[in-house]
Every structure is written in structure tokens, then in C-alpha cells.
């Protein structure tokens, strides 16, 4: 059976931590920032984990 290929689009967006967790950036932080509150923009800057049912699919796409 051939090797699984890494899904490069997923690999550019999601990183695997040392403990094996999946970390992603949040959306909505690039433009039209004037109307967003400081607290909202501050929250957008923090990294988010990949959880729930999608985690299995993402791990398969990354070959983890």
C-alpha cells in the first residue's frame, strides 16, 4: 500500500505541539478591524485548539 500524502493546505494552517495537541490560528483577524472591539481583536490573536469530531480528520490529513 502506498504512503499517505500529507494534505499541505492543512499542514500550513495547523501545527502539532510536543504533547500531540493540534493548534490553529483564529479567523477574522486580517481586515475590517476598525469596527471590532479591542477585546474581540485580542481574543482573535490567541491560538485555538482543534477539538471534537474534526480532530480525527485533521490528524489523518496531517499523517499524525
N, C-alpha and C. Protein backbone atom coordinates (compact mmCIF):
# COMPACT_ATOMS: atom_id res chain seq x y z
N UNK A 1 0.84 -1.19 0.00
CA UNK A 1 0.00 0.00 0.00
C UNK A 1 0.89 1.25 0.00
N UNK A 2 0.57 2.26 -0.82
CA UNK A 2 1.42 3.45 -0.86
C UNK A 2 1.30 4.29 0.41
N UNK A 3 2.31 5.13 0.58
CA UNK A 3 2.31 6.02 1.74
C UNK A 3 1.19 7.04 1.63
N UNK A 4 0.70 7.49 2.79
CA UNK A 4 -0.30 8.56 2.81
C UNK A 4 0.41 9.88 2.57
N UNK A 5 -0.16 10.72 1.73
CA UNK A 5 0.41 12.04 1.49
C UNK A 5 -0.16 13.03 2.50
N UNK A 6 0.69 13.93 2.98
CA UNK A 6 0.25 15.00 3.87
C UNK A 6 -0.58 16.00 3.08
N UNK A 7 -1.71 16.42 3.63
CA UNK A 7 -2.53 17.46 3.00
C UNK A 7 -1.87 18.79 3.30
N UNK A 8 -1.23 19.39 2.30
CA UNK A 8 -0.39 20.57 2.50
C UNK A 8 -1.18 21.79 2.96
N UNK A 9 -2.43 21.92 2.52
CA UNK A 9 -3.25 23.05 2.97
C UNK A 9 -3.49 22.99 4.47
N UNK A 10 -3.72 21.78 4.98
CA UNK A 10 -3.92 21.58 6.42
C UNK A 10 -2.61 21.79 7.16
N UNK A 11 -1.51 21.31 6.61
CA UNK A 11 -0.21 21.41 7.27
C UNK A 11 0.22 22.86 7.45
N UNK A 12 -0.18 23.74 6.53
CA UNK A 12 0.18 25.15 6.63
C UNK A 12 -0.65 25.87 7.69
N UNK A 13 -1.81 25.33 8.02
CA UNK A 13 -2.73 26.01 8.93
C UNK A 13 -2.70 25.47 10.35
N UNK A 14 -2.34 24.21 10.52
CA UNK A 14 -2.43 23.56 11.82
C UNK A 14 -1.08 22.96 12.19
N UNK A 15 -0.63 23.23 13.42
CA UNK A 15 0.64 22.70 13.90
C UNK A 15 0.36 21.70 15.02
N UNK A 16 1.28 20.73 15.16
CA UNK A 16 1.19 19.73 16.22
C UNK A 16 2.17 20.12 17.31
N UNK A 17 1.68 20.21 18.55
CA UNK A 17 2.54 20.57 19.68
C UNK A 17 3.36 19.35 20.11
N UNK A 18 4.26 19.57 21.04
CA UNK A 18 5.09 18.48 21.52
C UNK A 18 4.30 17.38 22.19
N UNK A 19 3.20 17.74 22.84
CA UNK A 19 2.36 16.75 23.52
C UNK A 19 1.33 16.12 22.59
N UNK A 20 1.34 16.54 21.31
CA UNK A 20 0.44 15.91 20.34
C UNK A 20 -0.87 16.64 20.11
N UNK A 21 -1.04 17.80 20.74
CA UNK A 21 -2.26 18.58 20.52
C UNK A 21 -2.18 19.32 19.19
N UNK A 22 -3.33 19.66 18.64
CA UNK A 22 -3.39 20.39 17.38
C UNK A 22 -3.75 21.84 17.65
N UNK A 23 -2.97 22.78 17.11
CA UNK A 23 -3.16 24.20 17.36
C UNK A 23 -3.36 24.92 16.04
N UNK A 24 -4.34 25.84 16.02
CA UNK A 24 -4.64 26.61 14.82
C UNK A 24 -4.79 28.07 15.17
N UNK A 25 -4.72 28.93 14.17
CA UNK A 25 -4.98 30.36 14.35
C UNK A 25 -6.48 30.61 14.20
N UNK A 26 -6.95 31.69 14.77
CA UNK A 26 -8.37 32.04 14.67
C UNK A 26 -8.63 32.87 13.41
N UNK A 27 -9.88 32.84 12.96
CA UNK A 27 -10.27 33.58 11.76
C UNK A 27 -10.66 35.02 12.12
N UNK A 28 -10.89 35.83 11.11
CA UNK A 28 -11.43 37.20 11.21
C UNK A 28 -10.44 38.22 11.76
N UNK A 29 -9.12 38.00 11.60
CA UNK A 29 -8.16 38.94 12.16
C UNK A 29 -7.36 39.72 11.15
N UNK A 30 -7.76 39.72 9.87
CA UNK A 30 -6.91 40.34 8.85
C UNK A 30 -7.34 41.74 8.43
N UNK A 31 -8.61 41.98 8.27
CA UNK A 31 -9.04 43.29 7.77
C UNK A 31 -10.40 43.64 8.36
N UNK A 32 -10.85 44.86 8.09
CA UNK A 32 -12.08 45.41 8.68
C UNK A 32 -12.00 45.31 10.21
N UNK A 33 -10.89 45.80 10.76
CA UNK A 33 -10.65 45.69 12.20
C UNK A 33 -11.18 46.89 12.97
N UNK A 34 -11.50 47.98 12.28
CA UNK A 34 -11.92 49.20 12.97
C UNK A 34 -13.23 49.00 13.73
N UNK A 35 -14.13 48.21 13.19
CA UNK A 35 -15.43 48.01 13.84
C UNK A 35 -15.39 46.96 14.95
N UNK A 36 -14.29 46.22 15.06
CA UNK A 36 -14.20 45.17 16.07
C UNK A 36 -13.62 45.75 17.36
N UNK A 37 -14.14 45.31 18.47
CA UNK A 37 -13.70 45.83 19.77
C UNK A 37 -12.29 45.32 20.09
N UNK A 38 -11.63 46.02 21.01
CA UNK A 38 -10.28 45.62 21.41
C UNK A 38 -10.28 44.22 22.00
N UNK A 39 -11.27 43.92 22.81
CA UNK A 39 -11.34 42.60 23.44
C UNK A 39 -11.51 41.51 22.39
N UNK A 40 -12.32 41.79 21.38
CA UNK A 40 -12.55 40.80 20.31
C UNK A 40 -11.27 40.56 19.51
N UNK A 41 -10.56 41.66 19.19
CA UNK A 41 -9.32 41.54 18.43
C UNK A 41 -8.24 40.82 19.24
N UNK A 42 -8.21 41.08 20.55
CA UNK A 42 -7.25 40.43 21.43
C UNK A 42 -7.51 38.92 21.47
N UNK A 43 -8.77 38.54 21.49
CA UNK A 43 -9.14 37.13 21.51
C UNK A 43 -8.79 36.45 20.19
N UNK A 44 -8.93 37.17 19.08
CA UNK A 44 -8.61 36.62 17.76
C UNK A 44 -7.12 36.30 17.66
N UNK A 45 -6.27 37.08 18.35
CA UNK A 45 -4.82 36.88 18.27
C UNK A 45 -4.36 35.58 18.93
N UNK A 46 -5.13 35.05 19.91
CA UNK A 46 -4.71 33.86 20.63
C UNK A 46 -4.91 32.61 19.78
N UNK A 47 -4.10 31.64 19.99
CA UNK A 47 -4.22 30.38 19.25
C UNK A 47 -5.38 29.57 19.82
N UNK A 48 -5.91 28.68 19.00
CA UNK A 48 -7.03 27.84 19.41
C UNK A 48 -6.67 26.38 19.14
N UNK A 49 -7.25 25.50 19.94
CA UNK A 49 -7.03 24.07 19.74
C UNK A 49 -8.05 23.49 18.78
N UNK A 50 -7.68 22.38 18.17
CA UNK A 50 -8.62 21.65 17.31
C UNK A 50 -9.21 20.54 18.16
N UNK A 51 -10.53 20.58 18.36
CA UNK A 51 -11.19 19.62 19.23
C UNK A 51 -12.40 19.00 18.54
N UNK A 52 -12.96 18.02 19.18
CA UNK A 52 -14.21 17.42 18.69
C UNK A 52 -13.99 16.42 17.57
N UNK A 53 -15.02 16.24 16.79
CA UNK A 53 -15.02 15.21 15.76
C UNK A 53 -14.05 15.51 14.63
N UNK A 54 -13.77 16.79 14.39
CA UNK A 54 -12.88 17.15 13.27
C UNK A 54 -11.42 16.78 13.56
N UNK A 55 -11.09 16.59 14.83
CA UNK A 55 -9.71 16.29 15.20
C UNK A 55 -9.20 15.02 14.52
N UNK A 56 -10.04 14.00 14.45
CA UNK A 56 -9.67 12.74 13.80
C UNK A 56 -9.36 12.96 12.32
N UNK A 57 -10.19 13.76 11.63
CA UNK A 57 -9.98 14.02 10.22
C UNK A 57 -8.70 14.82 9.98
N UNK A 58 -8.43 15.79 10.86
CA UNK A 58 -7.24 16.63 10.71
C UNK A 58 -5.98 15.80 10.93
N UNK A 59 -6.01 14.93 11.93
CA UNK A 59 -4.84 14.07 12.19
C UNK A 59 -4.56 13.18 10.99
N UNK A 60 -5.61 12.67 10.36
CA UNK A 60 -5.42 11.83 9.19
C UNK A 60 -4.83 12.64 8.04
N UNK A 61 -5.30 13.89 7.88
CA UNK A 61 -4.79 14.74 6.81
C UNK A 61 -3.31 15.09 7.02
N UNK A 62 -2.91 15.22 8.28
CA UNK A 62 -1.52 15.55 8.59
C UNK A 62 -0.62 14.32 8.63
N UNK A 63 -1.22 13.15 8.66
CA UNK A 63 -0.43 11.93 8.75
C UNK A 63 0.13 11.69 10.13
N UNK A 64 -0.58 12.17 11.15
CA UNK A 64 -0.13 12.02 12.55
C UNK A 64 -0.71 10.76 13.16
